[in-house]
Each structure stands twice: as C-alpha cells, then as structure tokens.
Amino acid sequence: MSLIDKIPSMSDASLGNLLTNARHLATAGGPKQQADAAEILPALEAAMAERKAAKTAAAAEKRAANKKPAAPKVAKA
C-alpha cells in the first residue's frame, strides 16, 4: 500500500504534518526526496483542501442551525 493510498485514513494532524514535511523535502531534500515529495504533494494538498472545505461547510451549517430568528420589528407611531 502506497502512502497516497493511506491519505484518506489519516487524521487531520497526521496529514498536516506529512504535508509540511513533504513541502520541506521538496525544497531542501536530496534528489530522491525531492522527486518523492513532488509525487505526493498534489495528493496531500488536494486532501487538505477537501478537508478544509468540509469543515468550513459543516461550521456554516452549524451556525445556520443555531441562528435565532430575528425579532419582529415594531412599527413606531
């Protein structure tokens, strides 16, 4: 099983750590490390973006569900 296959089962913290390490190796690693990082970076970045979007959507739904209706306006005489 490749590392890319394990991405969906990783925790958010593990995925973030792996993404940070891959970005570092892409610039500061040896030639093989840079090639490996370049191979996995698109999948890691896509997974992180997907998880962030899902969290944002869930938070928006939660805010909408908890929002109290506005009080009716009273006409002033």
N, C-alpha and C. Protein backbone atom coordinates (compact mmCIF):
# COMPACT_ATOMS: atom_id res chain seq x y z
N MET A 1 0.85 -1.17 0.00
CA MET A 1 0.00 0.00 0.00
C MET A 1 0.89 1.24 0.00
N SER A 2 0.66 2.12 -0.95
CA SER A 2 1.48 3.32 -1.04
C SER A 2 0.99 4.37 -0.05
N LEU A 3 1.79 5.36 0.15
CA LEU A 3 1.45 6.44 1.07
C LEU A 3 0.22 7.19 0.59
N ILE A 4 0.09 7.35 -0.71
CA ILE A 4 -1.08 8.05 -1.26
C ILE A 4 -2.36 7.28 -0.93
N ASP A 5 -2.30 5.96 -0.90
CA ASP A 5 -3.48 5.15 -0.57
C ASP A 5 -3.88 5.31 0.90
N LYS A 6 -2.94 5.71 1.75
CA LYS A 6 -3.21 5.85 3.18
C LYS A 6 -3.79 7.21 3.55
N ILE A 7 -3.74 8.17 2.64
CA ILE A 7 -4.17 9.54 2.94
C ILE A 7 -5.61 9.60 3.47
N PRO A 8 -6.58 8.92 2.87
CA PRO A 8 -7.95 9.05 3.38
C PRO A 8 -8.13 8.58 4.82
N SER A 9 -7.31 7.66 5.28
CA SER A 9 -7.46 7.15 6.65
C SER A 9 -6.62 7.92 7.66
N MET A 10 -5.85 8.91 7.23
CA MET A 10 -5.01 9.68 8.15
C MET A 10 -5.83 10.71 8.90
N SER A 11 -5.39 11.00 10.12
CA SER A 11 -6.02 12.07 10.88
C SER A 11 -5.61 13.41 10.27
N ASP A 12 -6.35 14.44 10.60
CA ASP A 12 -6.02 15.77 10.09
C ASP A 12 -4.62 16.20 10.53
N ALA A 13 -4.28 15.89 11.77
CA ALA A 13 -2.96 16.27 12.28
C ALA A 13 -1.85 15.53 11.54
N SER A 14 -2.04 14.25 11.30
CA SER A 14 -1.03 13.47 10.58
C SER A 14 -0.88 13.95 9.15
N LEU A 15 -2.02 14.25 8.53
CA LEU A 15 -1.98 14.73 7.16
C LEU A 15 -1.28 16.09 7.08
N GLY A 16 -1.56 16.96 8.02
CA GLY A 16 -0.90 18.27 8.05
C GLY A 16 0.60 18.14 8.26
N ASN A 17 0.99 17.23 9.13
CA ASN A 17 2.41 17.00 9.40
C ASN A 17 3.11 16.46 8.16
N LEU A 18 2.48 15.49 7.51
CA LEU A 18 3.05 14.92 6.29
C LEU A 18 3.17 15.98 5.19
N LEU A 19 2.17 16.83 5.06
CA LEU A 19 2.21 17.89 4.07
C LEU A 19 3.36 18.87 4.35
N THR A 20 3.52 19.23 5.60
CA THR A 20 4.62 20.12 5.99
C THR A 20 5.97 19.49 5.67
N ASN A 21 6.12 18.22 6.01
CA ASN A 21 7.38 17.53 5.74
C ASN A 21 7.65 17.40 4.24
N ALA A 22 6.61 17.09 3.48
CA ALA A 22 6.78 16.96 2.02
C ALA A 22 7.17 18.29 1.40
N ARG A 23 6.56 19.38 1.85
CA ARG A 23 6.93 20.71 1.33
C ARG A 23 8.38 21.02 1.65
N HIS A 24 8.81 20.67 2.85
CA HIS A 24 10.20 20.91 3.24
C HIS A 24 11.15 20.08 2.37
N LEU A 25 10.84 18.81 2.19
CA LEU A 25 11.71 17.93 1.39
C LEU A 25 11.73 18.34 -0.08
N ALA A 26 10.64 18.92 -0.55
CA ALA A 26 10.59 19.35 -1.95
C ALA A 26 11.62 20.43 -2.25
N THR A 27 12.00 21.18 -1.22
CA THR A 27 12.97 22.26 -1.43
C THR A 27 14.34 21.96 -0.84
N ALA A 28 14.37 21.21 0.25
CA ALA A 28 15.64 21.03 0.96
C ALA A 28 16.16 19.60 0.96
N GLY A 29 15.42 18.69 0.39
CA GLY A 29 15.84 17.29 0.41
C GLY A 29 16.80 16.96 -0.71
N GLY A 30 17.26 15.73 -0.68
CA GLY A 30 18.12 15.24 -1.75
C GLY A 30 17.29 14.99 -3.00
N PRO A 31 17.93 14.62 -4.09
CA PRO A 31 17.21 14.43 -5.35
C PRO A 31 16.07 13.40 -5.27
N LYS A 32 16.29 12.28 -4.61
CA LYS A 32 15.22 11.28 -4.48
C LYS A 32 14.10 11.79 -3.58
N GLN A 33 14.46 12.46 -2.50
CA GLN A 33 13.45 13.02 -1.60
C GLN A 33 12.62 14.08 -2.32
N GLN A 34 13.27 14.90 -3.13
CA GLN A 34 12.54 15.93 -3.87
C GLN A 34 11.59 15.29 -4.88
N ALA A 35 12.03 14.24 -5.54
CA ALA A 35 11.17 13.55 -6.50
C ALA A 35 9.99 12.90 -5.80
N ASP A 36 10.24 12.26 -4.67
CA ASP A 36 9.16 11.62 -3.91
C ASP A 36 8.16 12.67 -3.39
N ALA A 37 8.68 13.77 -2.91
CA ALA A 37 7.81 14.84 -2.40
C ALA A 37 6.97 15.43 -3.54
N ALA A 38 7.58 15.62 -4.70
CA ALA A 38 6.84 16.16 -5.84
C ALA A 38 5.73 15.22 -6.28
N GLU A 39 5.94 13.93 -6.09
CA GLU A 39 4.94 12.94 -6.48
C GLU A 39 3.73 12.96 -5.54
N ILE A 40 3.97 13.16 -4.26
CA ILE A 40 2.88 13.07 -3.28
C ILE A 40 2.24 14.42 -2.95
N LEU A 41 2.94 15.52 -3.17
CA LEU A 41 2.41 16.83 -2.80
C LEU A 41 1.03 17.14 -3.39
N PRO A 42 0.77 16.89 -4.67
CA PRO A 42 -0.57 17.22 -5.20
C PRO A 42 -1.69 16.48 -4.47
N ALA A 43 -1.47 15.22 -4.14
CA ALA A 43 -2.49 14.44 -3.42
C ALA A 43 -2.69 14.96 -2.00
N LEU A 44 -1.60 15.32 -1.34
CA LEU A 44 -1.70 15.86 0.01
C LEU A 44 -2.42 17.20 0.03
N GLU A 45 -2.06 18.08 -0.90
CA GLU A 45 -2.68 19.39 -0.94
C GLU A 45 -4.17 19.29 -1.28
N ALA A 46 -4.52 18.38 -2.17
CA ALA A 46 -5.93 18.18 -2.52
C ALA A 46 -6.72 17.65 -1.33
N ALA A 47 -6.14 16.71 -0.60
CA ALA A 47 -6.82 16.15 0.57
C ALA A 47 -7.00 17.21 1.65
N MET A 48 -6.00 18.04 1.87
CA MET A 48 -6.11 19.09 2.88
C MET A 48 -7.16 20.12 2.47
N ALA A 49 -7.19 20.49 1.20
CA ALA A 49 -8.19 21.45 0.72
C ALA A 49 -9.60 20.88 0.87
N GLU A 50 -9.75 19.61 0.56
CA GLU A 50 -11.05 18.96 0.67
C GLU A 50 -11.52 18.92 2.13
N ARG A 51 -10.62 18.59 3.02
CA ARG A 51 -10.98 18.54 4.44
C ARG A 51 -11.31 19.92 4.98
N LYS A 52 -10.56 20.92 4.55
CA LYS A 52 -10.82 22.29 4.99
C LYS A 52 -12.18 22.76 4.50
N ALA A 53 -12.51 22.44 3.25
CA ALA A 53 -13.80 22.83 2.69
C ALA A 53 -14.93 22.13 3.44
N ALA A 54 -14.75 20.88 3.78
CA ALA A 54 -15.77 20.14 4.51
C ALA A 54 -15.98 20.73 5.90
N LYS A 55 -14.89 21.10 6.57
CA LYS A 55 -15.00 21.69 7.89
C LYS A 55 -15.69 23.06 7.82
N THR A 56 -15.36 23.84 6.81
CA THR A 56 -15.97 25.15 6.64
C THR A 56 -17.47 25.01 6.39
N ALA A 57 -17.86 24.07 5.55
CA ALA A 57 -19.26 23.84 5.26
C ALA A 57 -20.01 23.37 6.50
N ALA A 58 -19.39 22.48 7.27
CA ALA A 58 -20.03 21.99 8.50
C ALA A 58 -20.20 23.11 9.51
N ALA A 59 -19.22 23.98 9.61
CA ALA A 59 -19.31 25.10 10.55
C ALA A 59 -20.41 26.07 10.11
N ALA A 60 -20.53 26.31 8.81
CA ALA A 60 -21.57 27.19 8.31
C ALA A 60 -22.96 26.60 8.58
N GLU A 61 -23.10 25.30 8.40
CA GLU A 61 -24.37 24.65 8.69
C GLU A 61 -24.70 24.75 10.17
N LYS A 62 -23.71 24.57 11.01
CA LYS A 62 -23.93 24.64 12.46
C LYS A 62 -24.34 26.06 12.86
N ARG A 63 -23.68 27.07 12.28
CA ARG A 63 -24.04 28.46 12.58
C ARG A 63 -25.47 28.74 12.13
N ALA A 64 -25.84 28.26 10.95
CA ALA A 64 -27.19 28.48 10.44
C ALA A 64 -28.23 27.79 11.31
N ALA A 65 -27.91 26.61 11.81
CA ALA A 65 -28.85 25.87 12.65
C ALA A 65 -29.02 26.54 14.01
N ASN A 66 -27.98 27.18 14.50
CA ASN A 66 -28.02 27.81 15.81
C ASN A 66 -28.49 29.26 15.77
N LYS A 67 -28.66 29.80 14.58
CA LYS A 67 -29.03 31.20 14.45
C LYS A 67 -30.47 31.40 14.90
N LYS A 68 -30.67 32.37 15.75
CA LYS A 68 -32.00 32.67 16.24
C LYS A 68 -32.71 33.56 15.22
N PRO A 69 -34.00 33.36 15.05
CA PRO A 69 -34.73 34.22 14.12
C PRO A 69 -34.76 35.65 14.65
N ALA A 70 -34.77 36.58 13.75
CA ALA A 70 -34.80 37.99 14.14
C ALA A 70 -36.14 38.33 14.77
N ALA A 71 -36.11 39.19 15.76
CA ALA A 71 -37.34 39.62 16.40
C ALA A 71 -38.14 40.47 15.43
N PRO A 72 -39.45 40.34 15.44
CA PRO A 72 -40.26 41.16 14.52
C PRO A 72 -40.11 42.63 14.85
N LYS A 73 -40.09 43.44 13.84
CA LYS A 73 -39.95 44.88 14.03
C LYS A 73 -41.30 45.46 14.38
N VAL A 74 -41.28 46.36 15.33
CA VAL A 74 -42.49 47.02 15.77
C VAL A 74 -42.55 48.39 15.10
N ALA A 75 -43.67 48.69 14.49
CA ALA A 75 -43.83 49.99 13.82
C ALA A 75 -43.95 51.06 14.88
N LYS A 76 -43.25 52.16 14.70
CA LYS A 76 -43.32 53.28 15.65
C LYS A 76 -44.39 54.25 15.18
N ALA A 77 -45.11 54.78 16.14
CA ALA A 77 -46.18 55.71 15.79
C ALA A 77 -45.73 57.13 15.89
